[in-house]
Amino acid sequence: MPPFGVRVDPFNWLLDGKLGFEIEAGLLPFMSVELVPLFVANSQPPTFNYFMGRDDGLSRDSHGIGPLAGTSIGLGFWLEGKALRGSVLRVIFTNYSYEYTSRLNGQVVDQFTHVERQLFGYFGSHANWGAFTLAGGIGLGVELNKDDRCFPPRTAADPTPDAIGNCGNHQMSIKLDPAATQIVDLSGGLGGVQFLGRFSLGVAIY
């Protein structure tokens, strides 16, 4: 039986409202495959609350099957030659679909959907105590689905694409009031460059 592990990241769950189950199995002694189905557990997590001082501000919901926003798939290459032990280099492709909504006094102001298709290079480390696993790491990647969305300065009307040259690099702007005097860019990262951090707890069977 190949090594097999299941982990969850409690910090992304509590801070960003995203609950991912990291399911991983060894393919070769030095290689593993990982799936991370991700559920939107909180549509208004603390990371959104700082944009507005009201409970009905921004929300992010799954645009997949119920709370399931999608999954990622990754290949792990274990530097010590033992899958699910020690240090790992991963290549990760994500496909998560979300619906973003802004409200003012309970009324919908703006809404759009976006599929995050991101490609990451990731470095992580796993510590094992019997069946218990503590895993963490950081990743650097790019957004492959660059749906530019912005509000030109000359109007407070509907958003227009980057074809008129008013967006900049990979903006996904949402207006917080009908006049578009407050606008938030939800693209994350820097010009399409994305960051990934994990700190996960789980079990591994060898």
C-alpha atoms as a PDB file:
ATOM      1  CA  MET A   1       0.000   0.000   0.000  1.00  0.00           C
ATOM      2  CA  PRO A   2       1.460   3.416  -0.936  1.00  0.00           C
ATOM      3  CA  PRO A   3       1.761   6.099   1.735  1.00  0.00           C
ATOM      4  CA  PHE A   4      -1.449   8.068   2.159  1.00  0.00           C
ATOM      5  CA  GLY A   5      -2.248  11.252   4.082  1.00  0.00           C
ATOM      6  CA  VAL A   6      -5.130  13.605   4.849  1.00  0.00           C
ATOM      7  CA  ARG A   7      -4.613  17.115   6.264  1.00  0.00           C
ATOM      8  CA  VAL A   8      -6.525  20.340   6.921  1.00  0.00           C
ATOM      9  CA  ASP A   9      -5.278  23.917   7.232  1.00  0.00           C
ATOM     10  CA  PRO A  10      -7.079  25.505  10.227  1.00  0.00           C
ATOM     11  CA  PHE A  11      -5.605  28.976   9.676  1.00  0.00           C
ATOM     12  CA  ASN A  12      -6.897  29.414   6.118  1.00  0.00           C
ATOM     13  CA  TRP A  13     -10.237  28.147   7.411  1.00  0.00           C
ATOM     14  CA  LEU A  14     -10.464  30.619  10.294  1.00  0.00           C
ATOM     15  CA  LEU A  15      -8.855  33.655   8.620  1.00  0.00           C
ATOM     16  CA  ASP A  16      -9.846  33.283   4.961  1.00  0.00           C
ATOM     17  CA  GLY A  17     -12.988  31.136   5.185  1.00  0.00           C
ATOM     18  CA  LYS A  18     -11.548  28.436   2.897  1.00  0.00           C
ATOM     19  CA  LEU A  19     -11.531  24.863   4.186  1.00  0.00           C
ATOM     20  CA  GLY A  20      -9.292  22.641   2.087  1.00  0.00           C
ATOM     21  CA  PHE A  21      -8.814  18.912   2.586  1.00  0.00           C
ATOM     22  CA  GLU A  22      -5.305  17.955   1.464  1.00  0.00           C
ATOM     23  CA  ILE A  23      -5.504  14.354   0.232  1.00  0.00           C
ATOM     24  CA  GLU A  24      -2.170  12.893  -0.822  1.00  0.00           C
ATOM     25  CA  ALA A  25      -0.868   9.517  -1.944  1.00  0.00           C
ATOM     26  CA  GLY A  26       2.561   8.262  -2.974  1.00  0.00           C
ATOM     27  CA  LEU A  27       3.125   7.372  -6.621  1.00  0.00           C
ATOM     28  CA  LEU A  28       6.814   6.485  -6.360  1.00  0.00           C
ATOM     29  CA  PRO A  29       9.161   6.458  -3.376  1.00  0.00           C
ATOM     30  CA  PHE A  30      10.149  10.069  -4.175  1.00  0.00           C
ATOM     31  CA  MET A  31       6.899  11.319  -5.781  1.00  0.00           C
ATOM     32  CA  SER A  32       3.313  11.899  -4.649  1.00  0.00           C
ATOM     33  CA  VAL A  33       0.070  13.312  -6.034  1.00  0.00           C
ATOM     34  CA  GLU A  34      -2.111  15.669  -4.025  1.00  0.00           C
ATOM     35  CA  LEU A  35      -5.735  16.777  -4.425  1.00  0.00           C
ATOM     36  CA  VAL A  36      -7.113  19.682  -2.387  1.00  0.00           C
ATOM     37  CA  PRO A  37     -10.907  20.034  -2.714  1.00  0.00           C
ATOM     38  CA  LEU A  38     -11.768  23.404  -1.218  1.00  0.00           C
ATOM     39  CA  PHE A  39     -15.009  24.414   0.507  1.00  0.00           C
ATOM     40  CA  VAL A  40     -16.124  27.979   1.242  1.00  0.00           C
ATOM     41  CA  ALA A  41     -16.925  27.673   4.948  1.00  0.00           C
ATOM     42  CA  ASN A  42     -17.317  31.410   5.657  1.00  0.00           C
ATOM     43  CA  SER A  43     -18.457  33.894   3.012  1.00  0.00           C
ATOM     44  CA  GLN A  44     -17.343  36.897   5.089  1.00  0.00           C
ATOM     45  CA  PRO A  45     -14.050  35.861   6.724  1.00  0.00           C
ATOM     46  CA  PRO A  46     -11.846  38.278   8.703  1.00  0.00           C
ATOM     47  CA  THR A  47      -9.663  38.891   5.641  1.00  0.00           C
ATOM     48  CA  PHE A  48     -12.665  40.548   3.964  1.00  0.00           C
ATOM     49  CA  ASN A  49     -13.913  42.475   6.991  1.00  0.00           C
ATOM     50  CA  TYR A  50     -11.115  45.031   6.932  1.00  0.00           C
ATOM     51  CA  PHE A  51     -12.328  46.446   3.597  1.00  0.00           C
ATOM     52  CA  MET A  52     -15.545  47.779   5.127  1.00  0.00           C
ATOM     53  CA  GLY A  53     -16.725  48.477   8.659  1.00  0.00           C
ATOM     54  CA  ARG A  54     -20.156  46.914   8.131  1.00  0.00           C
ATOM     55  CA  ASP A  55     -21.419  43.363   8.388  1.00  0.00           C
ATOM     56  CA  ASP A  56     -23.082  43.496   4.963  1.00  0.00           C
ATOM     57  CA  GLY A  57     -19.988  44.568   3.000  1.00  0.00           C
ATOM     58  CA  LEU A  58     -18.089  42.077   0.879  1.00  0.00           C
ATOM     59  CA  SER A  59     -18.778  38.378   0.616  1.00  0.00           C
ATOM     60  CA  ARG A  60     -17.251  35.481  -1.297  1.00  0.00           C
ATOM     61  CA  ASP A  61     -19.273  32.342  -1.969  1.00  0.00           C
ATOM     62  CA  SER A  62     -18.606  29.149  -3.850  1.00  0.00           C
ATOM     63  CA  HIS A  63     -19.655  29.144  -7.498  1.00  0.00           C
ATOM     64  CA  GLY A  64     -19.155  25.417  -7.766  1.00  0.00           C
ATOM     65  CA  ILE A  65     -21.223  22.519  -6.413  1.00  0.00           C
ATOM     66  CA  GLY A  66     -22.743  23.837  -3.214  1.00  0.00           C
ATOM     67  CA  PRO A  67     -19.939  25.006  -0.901  1.00  0.00           C
ATOM     68  CA  LEU A  68     -17.350  23.098  -2.993  1.00  0.00           C
ATOM     69  CA  ALA A  69     -15.485  25.746  -5.014  1.00  0.00           C
ATOM     70  CA  GLY A  70     -13.293  23.256  -6.869  1.00  0.00           C
ATOM     71  CA  THR A  71     -10.026  21.435  -6.391  1.00  0.00           C
ATOM     72  CA  SER A  72      -6.330  21.698  -7.005  1.00  0.00           C
ATOM     73  CA  ILE A  73      -3.933  19.003  -8.147  1.00  0.00           C
ATOM     74  CA  GLY A  74      -0.251  18.874  -7.383  1.00  0.00           C
ATOM     75  CA  LEU A  75       2.809  16.707  -7.910  1.00  0.00           C
ATOM     76  CA  GLY A  76       5.250  16.472  -5.017  1.00  0.00           C
ATOM     77  CA  PHE A  77       8.942  15.601  -5.341  1.00  0.00           C
ATOM     78  CA  TRP A  78      10.409  14.545  -1.984  1.00  0.00           C
ATOM     79  CA  LEU A  79      13.988  15.630  -1.514  1.00  0.00           C
ATOM     80  CA  GLU A  80      14.842  12.843   0.941  1.00  0.00           C
ATOM     81  CA  GLY A  81      13.407  10.144  -1.313  1.00  0.00           C
ATOM     82  CA  LYS A  82      10.477   9.214   0.963  1.00  0.00           C
ATOM     83  CA  ALA A  83       6.978  10.376   0.046  1.00  0.00           C
ATOM     84  CA  LEU A  84       5.131  12.349   2.738  1.00  0.00           C
ATOM     85  CA  ARG A  85       8.296  12.738   4.834  1.00  0.00           C
ATOM     86  CA  GLY A  86      10.735  15.644   5.053  1.00  0.00           C
ATOM     87  CA  SER A  87      11.052  18.416   2.475  1.00  0.00           C
ATOM     88  CA  VAL A  88       9.051  18.581  -0.742  1.00  0.00           C
ATOM     89  CA  LEU A  89       8.953  20.590  -3.960  1.00  0.00           C
ATOM     90  CA  ARG A  90       5.509  20.781  -5.524  1.00  0.00           C
ATOM     91  CA  VAL A  91       3.953  21.931  -8.763  1.00  0.00           C
ATOM     92  CA  ILE A  92       0.321  22.876  -8.024  1.00  0.00           C
ATOM     93  CA  PHE A  93      -2.522  23.788 -10.383  1.00  0.00           C
ATOM     94  CA  THR A  94      -5.673  25.243  -8.821  1.00  0.00           C
ATOM     95  CA  ASN A  95      -9.204  25.539 -10.228  1.00  0.00           C
ATOM     96  CA  TYR A  96     -11.501  27.281  -7.727  1.00  0.00           C
ATOM     97  CA  SER A  97     -14.681  29.127  -8.714  1.00  0.00           C
ATOM     98  CA  TYR A  98     -16.044  31.983  -6.576  1.00  0.00           C
ATOM     99  CA  GLU A  99     -18.873  34.510  -6.622  1.00  0.00           C
ATOM    100  CA  TYR A 100     -18.080  37.927  -5.150  1.00  0.00           C
ATOM    101  CA  THR A 101     -20.820  40.258  -3.912  1.00  0.00           C
ATOM    102  CA  SER A 102     -20.799  43.721  -2.351  1.00  0.00           C
ATOM    103  CA  ARG A 103     -23.792  45.024  -0.395  1.00  0.00           C
ATOM    104  CA  LEU A 104     -24.758  48.346   1.093  1.00  0.00           C
ATOM    105  CA  ASN A 105     -27.521  48.430   3.722  1.00  0.00           C
ATOM    106  CA  GLY A 106     -28.497  44.907   2.731  1.00  0.00           C
ATOM    107  CA  GLN A 107     -28.857  45.709  -0.987  1.00  0.00           C
ATOM    108  CA  VAL A 108     -26.608  44.177  -3.642  1.00  0.00           C
ATOM    109  CA  VAL A 109     -24.356  46.829  -5.183  1.00  0.00           C
ATOM    110  CA  ASP A 110     -22.059  44.758  -7.397  1.00  0.00           C
ATOM    111  CA  GLN A 111     -21.499  41.080  -8.153  1.00  0.00           C
ATOM    112  CA  PHE A 112     -19.297  38.925 -10.386  1.00  0.00           C
ATOM    113  CA  THR A 113     -17.847  35.413 -10.644  1.00  0.00           C
ATOM    114  CA  HIS A 114     -14.266  34.366 -11.215  1.00  0.00           C
ATOM    115  CA  VAL A 115     -12.425  31.061 -11.589  1.00  0.00           C
ATOM    116  CA  GLU A 116      -8.992  31.045  -9.985  1.00  0.00           C
ATOM    117  CA  ARG A 117      -6.705  29.040 -12.276  1.00  0.00           C
ATOM    118  CA  GLN A 118      -3.291  29.422 -10.745  1.00  0.00           C
ATOM    119  CA  LEU A 119       0.007  27.609 -11.246  1.00  0.00           C
ATOM    120  CA  PHE A 120       2.400  27.447  -8.293  1.00  0.00           C
ATOM    121  CA  GLY A 121       5.881  26.329  -7.455  1.00  0.00           C
ATOM    122  CA  TYR A 122       5.818  25.363  -3.792  1.00  0.00           C
ATOM    123  CA  PHE A 123       8.380  24.388  -1.152  1.00  0.00           C
ATOM    124  CA  GLY A 124       7.182  22.627   1.981  1.00  0.00           C
ATOM    125  CA  SER A 125       8.234  20.494   4.876  1.00  0.00           C
ATOM    126  CA  HIS A 126       6.521  17.658   6.789  1.00  0.00           C
ATOM    127  CA  ALA A 127       7.245  16.579  10.345  1.00  0.00           C
ATOM    128  CA  ASN A 128       5.917  13.224  11.501  1.00  0.00           C
ATOM    129  CA  TRP A 129       5.236  11.755  14.934  1.00  0.00           C
ATOM    130  CA  GLY A 130       3.794   8.334  14.350  1.00  0.00           C
ATOM    131  CA  ALA A 131       0.656   8.819  12.277  1.00  0.00           C
ATOM    132  CA  PHE A 132       0.414  12.529  13.147  1.00  0.00           C
ATOM    133  CA  THR A 133       1.701  15.002  10.529  1.00  0.00           C
ATOM    134  CA  LEU A 134       2.493  18.702  10.765  1.00  0.00           C
ATOM    135  CA  ALA A 135       3.038  20.278   7.343  1.00  0.00           C
ATOM    136  CA  GLY A 136       3.750  23.778   6.121  1.00  0.00           C
ATOM    137  CA  GLY A 137       5.198  25.691   3.226  1.00  0.00           C
ATOM    138  CA  ILE A 138       5.084  28.640   0.871  1.00  0.00           C
ATOM    139  CA  GLY A 139       4.442  28.937  -2.839  1.00  0.00           C
ATOM    140  CA  LEU A 140       4.884  31.472  -5.606  1.00  0.00           C
ATOM    141  CA  GLY A 141       2.686  31.363  -8.684  1.00  0.00           C
ATOM    142  CA  VAL A 142       0.850  33.121 -11.484  1.00  0.00           C
ATOM    143  CA  GLU A 143      -2.816  33.689 -12.284  1.00  0.00           C
ATOM    144  CA  LEU A 144      -3.674  31.973 -15.570  1.00  0.00           C
ATOM    145  CA  ASN A 145      -7.249  33.291 -15.800  1.00  0.00           C
ATOM    146  CA  LYS A 146      -6.676  37.034 -15.900  1.00  0.00           C
ATOM    147  CA  ASP A 147     -10.226  38.389 -15.984  1.00  0.00           C
ATOM    148  CA  ASP A 148      -9.554  42.132 -15.885  1.00  0.00           C
ATOM    149  CA  ARG A 149     -12.452  44.123 -14.460  1.00  0.00           C
ATOM    150  CA  CYS A 150     -12.312  47.810 -13.591  1.00  0.00           C
ATOM    151  CA  PHE A 151     -14.177  51.079 -13.305  1.00  0.00           C
ATOM    152  CA  PRO A 152     -12.768  53.832 -15.538  1.00  0.00           C
ATOM    153  CA  PRO A 153     -12.262  57.133 -13.697  1.00  0.00           C
ATOM    154  CA  ARG A 154     -14.586  58.975 -16.074  1.00  0.00           C
ATOM    155  CA  THR A 155     -17.728  57.020 -15.140  1.00  0.00           C
ATOM    156  CA  ALA A 156     -19.469  55.273 -12.264  1.00  0.00           C
ATOM    157  CA  ALA A 157     -21.293  52.928 -14.603  1.00  0.00           C
ATOM    158  CA  ASP A 158     -20.714  49.253 -15.223  1.00  0.00           C
ATOM    159  CA  PRO A 159     -17.151  47.870 -15.269  1.00  0.00           C
ATOM    160  CA  THR A 160     -15.366  47.707 -18.595  1.00  0.00           C
ATOM    161  CA  PRO A 161     -12.530  45.433 -19.755  1.00  0.00           C
ATOM    162  CA  ASP A 162      -8.884  46.368 -20.045  1.00  0.00           C
ATOM    163  CA  ALA A 163      -9.229  47.008 -23.785  1.00  0.00           C
ATOM    164  CA  ILE A 164      -9.593  50.756 -23.154  1.00  0.00           C
ATOM    165  CA  GLY A 165      -6.362  50.749 -21.119  1.00  0.00           C
ATOM    166  CA  ASN A 166      -7.755  51.880 -17.778  1.00  0.00           C
ATOM    167  CA  CYS A 167      -7.303  48.715 -15.715  1.00  0.00           C
ATOM    168  CA  GLY A 168      -3.617  48.043 -15.306  1.00  0.00           C
ATOM    169  CA  ASN A 169      -2.365  44.500 -14.808  1.00  0.00           C
ATOM    170  CA  HIS A 170      -5.001  41.964 -13.778  1.00  0.00           C
ATOM    171  CA  GLN A 171      -7.477  43.956 -11.723  1.00  0.00           C
ATOM    172  CA  MET A 172     -10.737  42.465 -10.461  1.00  0.00           C
ATOM    173  CA  SER A 173     -12.433  45.528  -9.047  1.00  0.00           C
ATOM    174  CA  ILE A 174     -15.744  45.524  -7.218  1.00  0.00           C
ATOM    175  CA  LYS A 175     -17.576  48.700  -6.250  1.00  0.00           C
ATOM    176  CA  LEU A 176     -18.714  49.125  -2.660  1.00  0.00           C
ATOM    177  CA  ASP A 177     -21.294  51.849  -3.330  1.00  0.00           C
ATOM    178  CA  PRO A 178     -23.547  52.676  -6.309  1.00  0.00           C
ATOM    179  CA  ALA A 179     -21.491  55.726  -7.303  1.00  0.00           C
ATOM    180  CA  ALA A 180     -18.263  53.673  -7.339  1.00  0.00           C
ATOM    181  CA  THR A 181     -16.531  56.126  -5.020  1.00  0.00           C
ATOM    182  CA  GLN A 182     -15.144  53.112  -3.097  1.00  0.00           C
ATOM    183  CA  ILE A 183     -13.560  50.345  -5.157  1.00  0.00           C
ATOM    184  CA  VAL A 184     -11.621  47.272  -4.015  1.00  0.00           C
ATOM    185  CA  ASP A 185      -9.295  45.181  -6.175  1.00  0.00           C
ATOM    186  CA  LEU A 186      -9.842  41.491  -5.320  1.00  0.00           C
ATOM    187  CA  SER A 187      -7.224  40.057  -7.672  1.00  0.00           C
ATOM    188  CA  GLY A 188      -4.631  39.591  -4.920  1.00  0.00           C
ATOM    189  CA  GLY A 189      -0.950  39.218  -5.586  1.00  0.00           C
ATOM    190  CA  LEU A 190       1.097  41.699  -7.602  1.00  0.00           C
ATOM    191  CA  GLY A 191       0.150  42.037 -11.260  1.00  0.00           C
ATOM    192  CA  GLY A 192      -0.983  38.424 -11.467  1.00  0.00           C
ATOM    193  CA  VAL A 193       1.793  37.044  -9.234  1.00  0.00           C
ATOM    194  CA  GLN A 194       0.210  34.987  -6.464  1.00  0.00           C
ATOM    195  CA  PHE A 195       1.336  33.728  -3.070  1.00  0.00           C
ATOM    196  CA  LEU A 196       0.345  30.528  -1.284  1.00  0.00           C
ATOM    197  CA  GLY A 197       0.879  29.665   2.357  1.00  0.00           C
ATOM    198  CA  ARG A 198      -0.103  26.513   4.238  1.00  0.00           C
ATOM    199  CA  PHE A 199       0.145  25.238   7.789  1.00  0.00           C
ATOM    200  CA  SER A 200      -1.666  21.924   7.997  1.00  0.00           C
ATOM    201  CA  LEU A 201      -2.443  19.232  10.538  1.00  0.00           C
ATOM    202  CA  GLY A 202      -3.348  15.660   9.717  1.00  0.00           C
ATOM    203  CA  VAL A 203      -2.452  11.994   9.611  1.00  0.00           C
ATOM    204  CA  ALA A 204      -0.301   9.874   7.329  1.00  0.00           C
ATOM    205  CA  ILE A 205      -0.329   6.116   6.878  1.00  0.00           C
ATOM    206  CA  TYR A 206       2.765   4.340   5.562  1.00  0.00           C
END
